[in-house]
PDB file of N, CA and C in Angstrom:
ATOM      1  N   MET A   1       0.884  -0.770   0.048  1.00  0.00           N
ATOM      2  CA  MET A   1       0.240  -0.091  -0.311  1.00  0.00           C
ATOM      3  C   MET A   1       0.800   0.910  -0.053  1.00  0.00           C
ATOM      4  N   THR A   2       0.590   2.516  -0.777  1.00  0.00           N
ATOM      5  CA  THR A   2       1.181   3.582  -0.834  1.00  0.00           C
ATOM      6  C   THR A   2       1.515   4.429   0.140  1.00  0.00           C
ATOM      7  N   MET A   3       1.871   5.252   0.779  1.00  0.00           N
ATOM      8  CA  MET A   3       2.006   6.345   1.486  1.00  0.00           C
ATOM      9  C   MET A   3       0.876   6.956   1.602  1.00  0.00           C
ATOM     10  N   LYS A   4       0.407   7.315  -0.099  1.00  0.00           N
ATOM     11  CA  LYS A   4      -0.625   7.859   0.011  1.00  0.00           C
ATOM     12  C   LYS A   4      -2.100   7.480   0.077  1.00  0.00           C
ATOM     13  N   SER A   5      -2.082   6.250  -0.003  1.00  0.00           N
ATOM     14  CA  SER A   5      -3.427   5.495   0.689  1.00  0.00           C
ATOM     15  C   SER A   5      -3.561   5.393   1.822  1.00  0.00           C
ATOM     16  N   LYS A   6      -2.507   4.529   2.430  1.00  0.00           N
ATOM     17  CA  LYS A   6      -2.389   5.078   3.884  1.00  0.00           C
ATOM     18  C   LYS A   6      -3.182   5.725   5.088  1.00  0.00           C
ATOM     19  N   ILE A   7      -2.325   7.193   4.349  1.00  0.00           N
ATOM     20  CA  ILE A   7      -2.645   8.501   4.547  1.00  0.00           C
ATOM     21  C   ILE A   7      -4.452   8.691   4.205  1.00  0.00           C
ATOM     22  N   THR A   8      -5.190   8.238   3.113  1.00  0.00           N
ATOM     23  CA  THR A   8      -5.852   8.520   2.826  1.00  0.00           C
ATOM     24  C   THR A   8      -7.069   7.518   3.770  1.00  0.00           C
ATOM     25  N   GLU A   9      -6.422   6.800   3.919  1.00  0.00           N
ATOM     26  CA  GLU A   9      -7.568   5.427   4.639  1.00  0.00           C
ATOM     27  C   GLU A   9      -7.529   5.899   6.331  1.00  0.00           C
ATOM     28  N   LYS A  10      -6.561   6.136   6.976  1.00  0.00           N
ATOM     29  CA  LYS A  10      -6.448   6.637   7.853  1.00  0.00           C
ATOM     30  C   LYS A  10      -7.390   7.767   8.531  1.00  0.00           C
ATOM     31  N   LEU A  11      -7.101   8.982   7.055  1.00  0.00           N
ATOM     32  CA  LEU A  11      -8.170  10.368   7.489  1.00  0.00           C
ATOM     33  C   LEU A  11      -9.657   9.583   7.403  1.00  0.00           C
ATOM     34  N   SER A  12      -9.958   8.774   6.347  1.00  0.00           N
ATOM     35  CA  SER A  12     -11.188   8.806   5.791  1.00  0.00           C
ATOM     36  C   SER A  12     -11.833   7.738   7.022  1.00  0.00           C
ATOM     37  N   ALA A  13     -11.435   7.461   7.741  1.00  0.00           N
ATOM     38  CA  ALA A  13     -12.254   6.442   8.524  1.00  0.00           C
ATOM     39  C   ALA A  13     -12.180   7.063  10.020  1.00  0.00           C
ATOM     40  N   ALA A  14     -11.125   7.881  10.574  1.00  0.00           N
ATOM     41  CA  ALA A  14     -11.075   8.568  11.708  1.00  0.00           C
ATOM     42  C   ALA A  14     -12.045  10.177  11.657  1.00  0.00           C
ATOM     43  N   LEU A  15     -12.043  10.612  10.211  1.00  0.00           N
ATOM     44  CA  LEU A  15     -12.873  11.743  10.336  1.00  0.00           C
ATOM     45  C   LEU A  15     -14.196  11.893   9.564  1.00  0.00           C
ATOM     46  N   ALA A  16     -14.135  10.841   8.556  1.00  0.00           N
ATOM     47  CA  ALA A  16     -15.682  10.988   7.422  1.00  0.00           C
ATOM     48  C   ALA A  16     -15.640  11.922   7.000  1.00  0.00           C
ATOM     49  N   PRO A  17     -14.724  12.627   5.682  1.00  0.00           N
ATOM     50  CA  PRO A  17     -14.391  13.391   5.411  1.00  0.00           C
ATOM     51  C   PRO A  17     -15.411  13.534   4.097  1.00  0.00           C
ATOM     52  N   SER A  18     -16.185  15.286   3.917  1.00  0.00           N
ATOM     53  CA  SER A  18     -16.842  15.213   3.047  1.00  0.00           C
ATOM     54  C   SER A  18     -16.444  15.391   1.556  1.00  0.00           C
ATOM     55  N   HIS A  19     -14.906  15.498   1.969  1.00  0.00           N
ATOM     56  CA  HIS A  19     -13.992  15.973   1.433  1.00  0.00           C
ATOM     57  C   HIS A  19     -12.330  15.671   1.677  1.00  0.00           C
ATOM     58  N   LEU A  20     -11.439  14.939   0.433  1.00  0.00           N
ATOM     59  CA  LEU A  20     -10.375  14.985   1.329  1.00  0.00           C
ATOM     60  C   LEU A  20      -9.366  14.821  -0.552  1.00  0.00           C
ATOM     61  N   GLU A  21      -8.559  16.105   0.309  1.00  0.00           N
ATOM     62  CA  GLU A  21      -7.623  15.455  -1.407  1.00  0.00           C
ATOM     63  C   GLU A  21      -6.195  14.703  -0.532  1.00  0.00           C
ATOM     64  N   VAL A  22      -5.152  13.966  -0.901  1.00  0.00           N
ATOM     65  CA  VAL A  22      -3.803  13.737  -0.363  1.00  0.00           C
ATOM     66  C   VAL A  22      -2.812  14.117  -1.468  1.00  0.00           C
ATOM     67  N   ILE A  23      -2.197  14.848  -1.877  1.00  0.00           N
ATOM     68  CA  ILE A  23      -1.502  15.319  -2.964  1.00  0.00           C
ATOM     69  C   ILE A  23      -0.145  14.824  -2.379  1.00  0.00           C
ATOM     70  N   ASP A  24       0.340  14.018  -3.507  1.00  0.00           N
ATOM     71  CA  ASP A  24       1.906  14.051  -3.429  1.00  0.00           C
ATOM     72  C   ASP A  24       3.102  15.010  -3.997  1.00  0.00           C
ATOM     73  N   GLU A  25       3.594  15.959  -2.751  1.00  0.00           N
ATOM     74  CA  GLU A  25       4.274  16.875  -3.198  1.00  0.00           C
ATOM     75  C   GLU A  25       5.898  16.315  -2.998  1.00  0.00           C
ATOM     76  N   SER A  26       6.310  15.476  -3.038  1.00  0.00           N
ATOM     77  CA  SER A  26       7.489  15.268  -2.979  1.00  0.00           C
ATOM     78  C   SER A  26       8.667  15.174  -4.104  1.00  0.00           C
ATOM     79  N   ASP A  27       8.256  15.555  -5.430  1.00  0.00           N
ATOM     80  CA  ASP A  27       9.152  15.713  -6.128  1.00  0.00           C
ATOM     81  C   ASP A  27       9.618  17.421  -6.633  1.00  0.00           C
ATOM     82  N   HIS A  28       8.405  17.999  -5.953  1.00  0.00           N
ATOM     83  CA  HIS A  28       8.903  19.537  -5.172  1.00  0.00           C
ATOM     84  C   HIS A  28      10.054  19.979  -4.203  1.00  0.00           C
ATOM     85  N   HIS A  29      10.270  18.701  -4.325  1.00  0.00           N
ATOM     86  CA  HIS A  29      11.228  19.083  -3.056  1.00  0.00           C
ATOM     87  C   HIS A  29      12.406  18.078  -3.072  1.00  0.00           C
ATOM     88  N   LYS A  30      12.921  17.678  -4.628  1.00  0.00           N
ATOM     89  CA  LYS A  30      14.199  17.190  -4.720  1.00  0.00           C
ATOM     90  C   LYS A  30      15.514  17.477  -4.668  1.00  0.00           C
ATOM     91  N   GLY A  31      16.123  17.346  -3.615  1.00  0.00           N
ATOM     92  CA  GLY A  31      17.474  17.963  -3.449  1.00  0.00           C
ATOM     93  C   GLY A  31      17.111  18.539  -2.234  1.00  0.00           C
ATOM     94  N   HIS A  32      15.902  18.657  -1.652  1.00  0.00           N
ATOM     95  CA  HIS A  32      15.825  19.198  -0.086  1.00  0.00           C
ATOM     96  C   HIS A  32      16.162  17.827   0.795  1.00  0.00           C
ATOM     97  N   MET A  33      16.275  18.436   2.299  1.00  0.00           N
ATOM     98  CA  MET A  33      16.406  17.762   3.258  1.00  0.00           C
ATOM     99  C   MET A  33      14.830  16.622   3.190  1.00  0.00           C
ATOM    100  N   GLY A  34      14.939  15.721   3.468  1.00  0.00           N
ATOM    101  CA  GLY A  34      13.602  14.750   3.849  1.00  0.00           C
ATOM    102  C   GLY A  34      13.538  13.808   2.550  1.00  0.00           C
ATOM    103  N   TYR A  35      14.027  14.923   1.466  1.00  0.00           N
ATOM    104  CA  TYR A  35      13.966  13.720   0.362  1.00  0.00           C
ATOM    105  C   TYR A  35      14.203  12.808   0.095  1.00  0.00           C
ATOM    106  N   ARG A  36      13.532  11.696  -0.427  1.00  0.00           N
ATOM    107  CA  ARG A  36      14.158   9.873  -0.826  1.00  0.00           C
ATOM    108  C   ARG A  36      13.671   9.640  -1.932  1.00  0.00           C
ATOM    109  N   GLU A  37      14.167   9.244  -2.717  1.00  0.00           N
ATOM    110  CA  GLU A  37      14.387   8.811  -4.114  1.00  0.00           C
ATOM    111  C   GLU A  37      12.883   7.863  -4.033  1.00  0.00           C
ATOM    112  N   GLY A  38      12.095   8.336  -5.123  1.00  0.00           N
ATOM    113  CA  GLY A  38      10.880   7.557  -5.106  1.00  0.00           C
ATOM    114  C   GLY A  38       9.545   7.642  -4.265  1.00  0.00           C
ATOM    115  N   GLY A  39      10.029   8.855  -3.626  1.00  0.00           N
ATOM    116  CA  GLY A  39       9.143  10.031  -3.477  1.00  0.00           C
ATOM    117  C   GLY A  39       8.226   9.527  -2.055  1.00  0.00           C
ATOM    118  N   GLU A  40       6.861  10.263  -1.498  1.00  0.00           N
ATOM    119  CA  GLU A  40       6.664   9.816  -0.265  1.00  0.00           C
ATOM    120  C   GLU A  40       6.309  10.010   0.926  1.00  0.00           C
ATOM    121  N   THR A  41       7.324  11.271   0.624  1.00  0.00           N
ATOM    122  CA  THR A  41       7.915  11.941   1.726  1.00  0.00           C
ATOM    123  C   THR A  41       6.931  13.398   2.504  1.00  0.00           C
ATOM    124  N   HIS A  42       6.189  14.303   0.997  1.00  0.00           N
ATOM    125  CA  HIS A  42       6.192  15.295   0.781  1.00  0.00           C
ATOM    126  C   HIS A  42       4.386  15.560   0.840  1.00  0.00           C
ATOM    127  N   PHE A  43       3.498  16.042   1.981  1.00  0.00           N
ATOM    128  CA  PHE A  43       2.323  15.403   1.286  1.00  0.00           C
ATOM    129  C   PHE A  43       1.612  16.876   1.555  1.00  0.00           C
ATOM    130  N   ARG A  44       0.660  16.821   0.893  1.00  0.00           N
ATOM    131  CA  ARG A  44      -0.593  18.263   1.325  1.00  0.00           C
ATOM    132  C   ARG A  44      -1.621  17.211   1.320  1.00  0.00           C
ATOM    133  N   VAL A  45      -2.688  17.884   2.801  1.00  0.00           N
ATOM    134  CA  VAL A  45      -3.686  17.039   2.848  1.00  0.00           C
ATOM    135  C   VAL A  45      -4.772  18.198   2.726  1.00  0.00           C
ATOM    136  N   ARG A  46      -6.174  18.259   2.168  1.00  0.00           N
ATOM    137  CA  ARG A  46      -6.963  19.362   1.801  1.00  0.00           C
ATOM    138  C   ARG A  46      -8.093  18.508   2.069  1.00  0.00           C
ATOM    139  N   ILE A  47      -8.627  19.066   3.546  1.00  0.00           N
ATOM    140  CA  ILE A  47      -9.638  17.833   4.385  1.00  0.00           C
ATOM    141  C   ILE A  47     -11.229  18.879   4.453  1.00  0.00           C
ATOM    142  N   VAL A  48     -12.060  18.556   4.619  1.00  0.00           N
ATOM    143  CA  VAL A  48     -13.183  19.337   4.957  1.00  0.00           C
ATOM    144  C   VAL A  48     -13.941  18.043   5.666  1.00  0.00           C
ATOM    145  N   SER A  49     -14.531  18.770   7.385  1.00  0.00           N
ATOM    146  CA  SER A  49     -14.828  17.523   7.699  1.00  0.00           C
ATOM    147  C   SER A  49     -15.730  18.258   9.024  1.00  0.00           C
ATOM    148  N   GLU A  50     -17.121  17.422   9.197  1.00  0.00           N
ATOM    149  CA  GLU A  50     -17.750  18.225  10.408  1.00  0.00           C
ATOM    150  C   GLU A  50     -17.324  17.732  11.562  1.00  0.00           C
ATOM    151  N   ALA A  51     -16.398  17.052  11.776  1.00  0.00           N
ATOM    152  CA  ALA A  51     -15.635  16.791  12.773  1.00  0.00           C
ATOM    153  C   ALA A  51     -14.666  18.377  13.482  1.00  0.00           C
ATOM    154  N   PHE A  52     -14.579  18.758  12.442  1.00  0.00           N
ATOM    155  CA  PHE A  52     -13.812  19.989  12.652  1.00  0.00           C
ATOM    156  C   PHE A  52     -14.478  21.885  13.115  1.00  0.00           C
ATOM    157  N   THR A  53     -15.908  21.090  13.461  1.00  0.00           N
ATOM    158  CA  THR A  53     -16.890  22.164  13.171  1.00  0.00           C
ATOM    159  C   THR A  53     -16.557  22.590  15.036  1.00  0.00           C
ATOM    160  N   GLY A  54     -16.229  23.610  14.673  1.00  0.00           N
ATOM    161  CA  GLY A  54     -15.935  24.469  16.590  1.00  0.00           C
ATOM    162  C   GLY A  54     -14.531  24.217  17.092  1.00  0.00           C
ATOM    163  N   GLN A  55     -13.426  23.719  15.768  1.00  0.00           N
ATOM    164  CA  GLN A  55     -12.825  23.316  16.384  1.00  0.00           C
ATOM    165  C   GLN A  55     -11.767  24.529  15.993  1.00  0.00           C
ATOM    166  N   SER A  56     -10.356  25.170  16.951  1.00  0.00           N
ATOM    167  CA  SER A  56      -9.606  25.704  16.194  1.00  0.00           C
ATOM    168  C   SER A  56      -8.702  25.243  15.303  1.00  0.00           C
ATOM    169  N   ARG A  57      -7.558  26.153  14.319  1.00  0.00           N
ATOM    170  CA  ARG A  57      -6.771  25.551  13.568  1.00  0.00           C
ATOM    171  C   ARG A  57      -5.946  24.718  14.094  1.00  0.00           C
ATOM    172  N   VAL A  58      -5.396  24.804  15.113  1.00  0.00           N
ATOM    173  CA  VAL A  58      -4.309  23.877  16.205  1.00  0.00           C
ATOM    174  C   VAL A  58      -4.557  23.150  16.635  1.00  0.00           C
ATOM    175  N   GLN A  59      -6.214  23.055  16.227  1.00  0.00           N
ATOM    176  CA  GLN A  59      -7.148  21.407  17.082  1.00  0.00           C
ATOM    177  C   GLN A  59      -6.748  21.027  16.280  1.00  0.00           C
ATOM    178  N   ARG A  60      -7.635  21.482  14.923  1.00  0.00           N
ATOM    179  CA  ARG A  60      -7.670  20.647  13.464  1.00  0.00           C
ATOM    180  C   ARG A  60      -6.252  19.486  13.468  1.00  0.00           C
ATOM    181  N   HIS A  61      -5.361  20.818  13.341  1.00  0.00           N
ATOM    182  CA  HIS A  61      -3.571  20.471  13.339  1.00  0.00           C
ATOM    183  C   HIS A  61      -3.639  18.932  13.839  1.00  0.00           C
ATOM    184  N   ARG A  62      -3.376  19.329  15.496  1.00  0.00           N
ATOM    185  CA  ARG A  62      -3.016  18.427  16.525  1.00  0.00           C
ATOM    186  C   ARG A  62      -3.985  17.033  15.937  1.00  0.00           C
ATOM    187  N   ALA A  63      -5.239  16.809  15.440  1.00  0.00           N
ATOM    188  CA  ALA A  63      -5.575  15.760  15.319  1.00  0.00           C
ATOM    189  C   ALA A  63      -5.670  15.066  14.200  1.00  0.00           C
ATOM    190  N   ILE A  64      -4.830  15.591  13.263  1.00  0.00           N
ATOM    191  CA  ILE A  64      -4.340  14.931  11.977  1.00  0.00           C
ATOM    192  C   ILE A  64      -2.994  14.635  11.885  1.00  0.00           C
ATOM    193  N   ASN A  65      -2.047  15.550  13.062  1.00  0.00           N
ATOM    194  CA  ASN A  65      -0.938  14.969  13.068  1.00  0.00           C
ATOM    195  C   ASN A  65      -1.019  13.836  13.939  1.00  0.00           C
ATOM    196  N   GLU A  66      -1.797  13.508  14.560  1.00  0.00           N
ATOM    197  CA  GLU A  66      -1.795  12.584  16.210  1.00  0.00           C
ATOM    198  C   GLU A  66      -2.268  10.743  15.445  1.00  0.00           C
ATOM    199  N   LEU A  67      -3.188  11.655  14.036  1.00  0.00           N
ATOM    200  CA  LEU A  67      -3.301  10.312  13.385  1.00  0.00           C
ATOM    201  C   LEU A  67      -2.689   9.538  12.713  1.00  0.00           C
ATOM    202  N   LEU A  68      -1.601  10.438  11.945  1.00  0.00           N
ATOM    203  CA  LEU A  68      -0.963  10.128  11.275  1.00  0.00           C
ATOM    204  C   LEU A  68       0.685  10.378  12.295  1.00  0.00           C
ATOM    205  N   ALA A  69       0.762   9.819  13.592  1.00  0.00           N
ATOM    206  CA  ALA A  69       1.650   9.637  13.943  1.00  0.00           C
ATOM    207  C   ALA A  69       2.954   8.520  13.627  1.00  0.00           C
ATOM    208  N   GLU A  70       2.613   7.723  13.436  1.00  0.00           N
ATOM    209  CA  GLU A  70       3.243   6.300  12.992  1.00  0.00           C
ATOM    210  C   GLU A  70       3.643   6.675  11.679  1.00  0.00           C
ATOM    211  N   GLU A  71       3.375   7.546  10.449  1.00  0.00           N
ATOM    212  CA  GLU A  71       3.662   8.087   9.201  1.00  0.00           C
ATOM    213  C   GLU A  71       4.617   9.105   9.093  1.00  0.00           C
ATOM    214  N   LEU A  72       4.046   9.893  10.380  1.00  0.00           N
ATOM    215  CA  LEU A  72       5.479  10.842  10.911  1.00  0.00           C
ATOM    216  C   LEU A  72       6.438  10.681  10.966  1.00  0.00           C
ATOM    217  N   ALA A  73       6.718   9.795  12.026  1.00  0.00           N
ATOM    218  CA  ALA A  73       7.977   9.235  13.180  1.00  0.00           C
ATOM    219  C   ALA A  73       8.271   8.269  11.678  1.00  0.00           C
ATOM    220  N   GLY A  74       8.127   7.973  10.625  1.00  0.00           N
ATOM    221  CA  GLY A  74       8.245   6.620   9.415  1.00  0.00           C
ATOM    222  C   GLY A  74       9.087   7.926   8.385  1.00  0.00           C
ATOM    223  N   THR A  75       8.444   7.425   7.023  1.00  0.00           N
ATOM    224  CA  THR A  75       8.736   8.028   5.697  1.00  0.00           C
ATOM    225  C   THR A  75       8.458   9.072   5.805  1.00  0.00           C
ATOM    226  N   VAL A  76       7.275   9.950   5.909  1.00  0.00           N
ATOM    227  CA  VAL A  76       6.413  11.104   5.669  1.00  0.00           C
ATOM    228  C   VAL A  76       8.035  12.332   6.690  1.00  0.00           C
ATOM    229  N   HIS A  77       8.253  13.215   5.721  1.00  0.00           N
ATOM    230  CA  HIS A  77       9.047  14.420   6.284  1.00  0.00           C
ATOM    231  C   HIS A  77       8.062  15.337   6.003  1.00  0.00           C
ATOM    232  N   ALA A  78       7.254  15.901   5.759  1.00  0.00           N
ATOM    233  CA  ALA A  78       6.441  16.888   5.823  1.00  0.00           C
ATOM    234  C   ALA A  78       5.050  16.530   5.596  1.00  0.00           C
ATOM    235  N   LEU A  79       4.729  17.634   5.955  1.00  0.00           N
ATOM    236  CA  LEU A  79       3.110  17.052   5.937  1.00  0.00           C
ATOM    237  C   LEU A  79       2.119  19.081   6.041  1.00  0.00           C
ATOM    238  N   ALA A  80       1.536  19.637   4.666  1.00  0.00           N
ATOM    239  CA  ALA A  80       1.061  20.838   4.770  1.00  0.00           C
ATOM    240  C   ALA A  80      -0.452  20.015   5.218  1.00  0.00           C
ATOM    241  N   ILE A  81      -1.358  20.542   6.014  1.00  0.00           N
ATOM    242  CA  ILE A  81      -2.655  20.752   6.072  1.00  0.00           C
ATOM    243  C   ILE A  81      -3.057  21.564   6.008  1.00  0.00           C
ATOM    244  N   GLU A  82      -4.346  21.404   5.052  1.00  0.00           N
ATOM    245  CA  GLU A  82      -5.834  22.974   5.209  1.00  0.00           C
ATOM    246  C   GLU A  82      -7.030  21.754   5.281  1.00  0.00           C
ATOM    247  N   ALA A  83      -7.322  22.090   6.660  1.00  0.00           N
ATOM    248  CA  ALA A  83      -8.766  21.279   7.060  1.00  0.00           C
ATOM    249  C   ALA A  83      -9.890  22.454   7.386  1.00  0.00           C
ATOM    250  N   ARG A  84     -11.117  21.946   7.144  1.00  0.00           N
ATOM    251  CA  ARG A  84     -12.156  23.014   7.326  1.00  0.00           C
ATOM    252  C   ARG A  84     -12.944  22.391   7.813  1.00  0.00           C
ATOM    253  N   ALA A  85     -14.077  23.227   8.236  1.00  0.00           N
ATOM    254  CA  ALA A  85     -15.226  22.182   8.425  1.00  0.00           C
ATOM    255  C   ALA A  85     -16.415  22.658   7.184  1.00  0.00           C
ATOM    256  N   PRO A  86     -17.732  22.015   7.154  1.00  0.00           N
ATOM    257  CA  PRO A  86     -18.397  22.307   5.743  1.00  0.00           C
ATOM    258  C   PRO A  86     -19.018  23.520   5.752  1.00  0.00           C
ATOM    259  N   SER A  87     -19.019  24.249   7.163  1.00  0.00           N
ATOM    260  CA  SER A  87     -19.491  25.234   7.046  1.00  0.00           C
ATOM    261  C   SER A  87     -18.629  26.395   6.646  1.00  0.00           C
ATOM    262  N   GLU A  88     -17.351  26.204   6.431  1.00  0.00           N
ATOM    263  CA  GLU A  88     -16.373  27.380   5.771  1.00  0.00           C
ATOM    264  C   GLU A  88     -15.911  27.327   4.632  1.00  0.00           C
ATOM    265  N   PRO A  89     -16.080  28.597   4.728  1.00  0.00           N
ATOM    266  CA  PRO A  89     -15.758  28.855   3.157  1.00  0.00           C
ATOM    267  C   PRO A  89     -14.345  28.380   2.422  1.00  0.00           C
ATOM    268  N   ASP A  90     -14.177  28.052   1.761  1.00  0.00           N
ATOM    269  CA  ASP A  90     -13.055  27.329   1.170  1.00  0.00           C
ATOM    270  C   ASP A  90     -11.794  28.742   0.854  1.00  0.00           C
ATOM    271  N   PRO A  91     -10.215  28.829   1.486  1.00  0.00           N
ATOM    272  CA  PRO A  91     -10.455  29.818   0.744  1.00  0.00           C
ATOM    273  C   PRO A  91      -9.080  30.018  -0.055  1.00  0.00           C
ATOM    274  N   ARG A  92      -8.767  29.135  -1.135  1.00  0.00           N
ATOM    275  CA  ARG A  92      -8.993  29.210  -2.632  1.00  0.00           C
ATOM    276  C   ARG A  92      -9.570  29.895  -3.153  1.00  0.00           C
ATOM    277  N   ALA A  93     -11.159  29.449  -3.246  1.00  0.00           N
ATOM    278  CA  ALA A  93     -11.718  29.904  -3.803  1.00  0.00           C
ATOM    279  C   ALA A  93     -11.846  31.108  -4.070  1.00  0.00           C
ATOM    280  N   ALA A  94     -11.369  32.364  -2.660  1.00  0.00           N
ATOM    281  CA  ALA A  94     -11.332  33.516  -2.999  1.00  0.00           C
ATOM    282  C   ALA A  94      -9.891  33.849  -4.000  1.00  0.00           C
ATOM    283  N   ARG A  95      -9.016  32.668  -4.328  1.00  0.00           N
ATOM    284  CA  ARG A  95      -7.624  32.980  -4.932  1.00  0.00           C
ATOM    285  C   ARG A  95      -8.062  32.727  -6.313  1.00  0.00           C
ATOM    286  N   GLY A  96      -9.192  31.970  -6.752  1.00  0.00           N
ATOM    287  CA  GLY A  96      -9.246  31.418  -7.842  1.00  0.00           C
ATOM    288  C   GLY A  96      -8.940  30.555  -7.977  1.00  0.00           C
ATOM    289  N   ALA A  97      -8.433  29.477  -6.706  1.00  0.00           N
ATOM    290  CA  ALA A  97      -7.909  28.148  -7.093  1.00  0.00           C
ATOM    291  C   ALA A  97      -8.428  27.172  -6.522  1.00  0.00           C
ATOM    292  N   ALA A  98      -9.799  27.233  -6.317  1.00  0.00           N
ATOM    293  CA  ALA A  98     -10.882  25.843  -6.237  1.00  0.00           C
ATOM    294  C   ALA A  98     -10.859  25.400  -7.228  1.00  0.00           C
TER     295      ALA A  98
END
């Protein structure tokens, strides 16, 4: 199973997201600290879940980091997180990137 699949599976099972993107951005980091040949070291997670309703940004990030603790202690070097509740606007839409 790929690291992307593991991340997707764990977040889906724990947070039942209405939207989830797990993007492997490893090739953007060739030559940088933490990069390994074959990738699967740098990820971006975009997730929308009811579980985040009423939580601060820090609480959301902590929850995701706890769910992915094993991966972060292993081969995942970096994880960018964009987490929001369904009632919150997508900040990328304002920039025309949605």
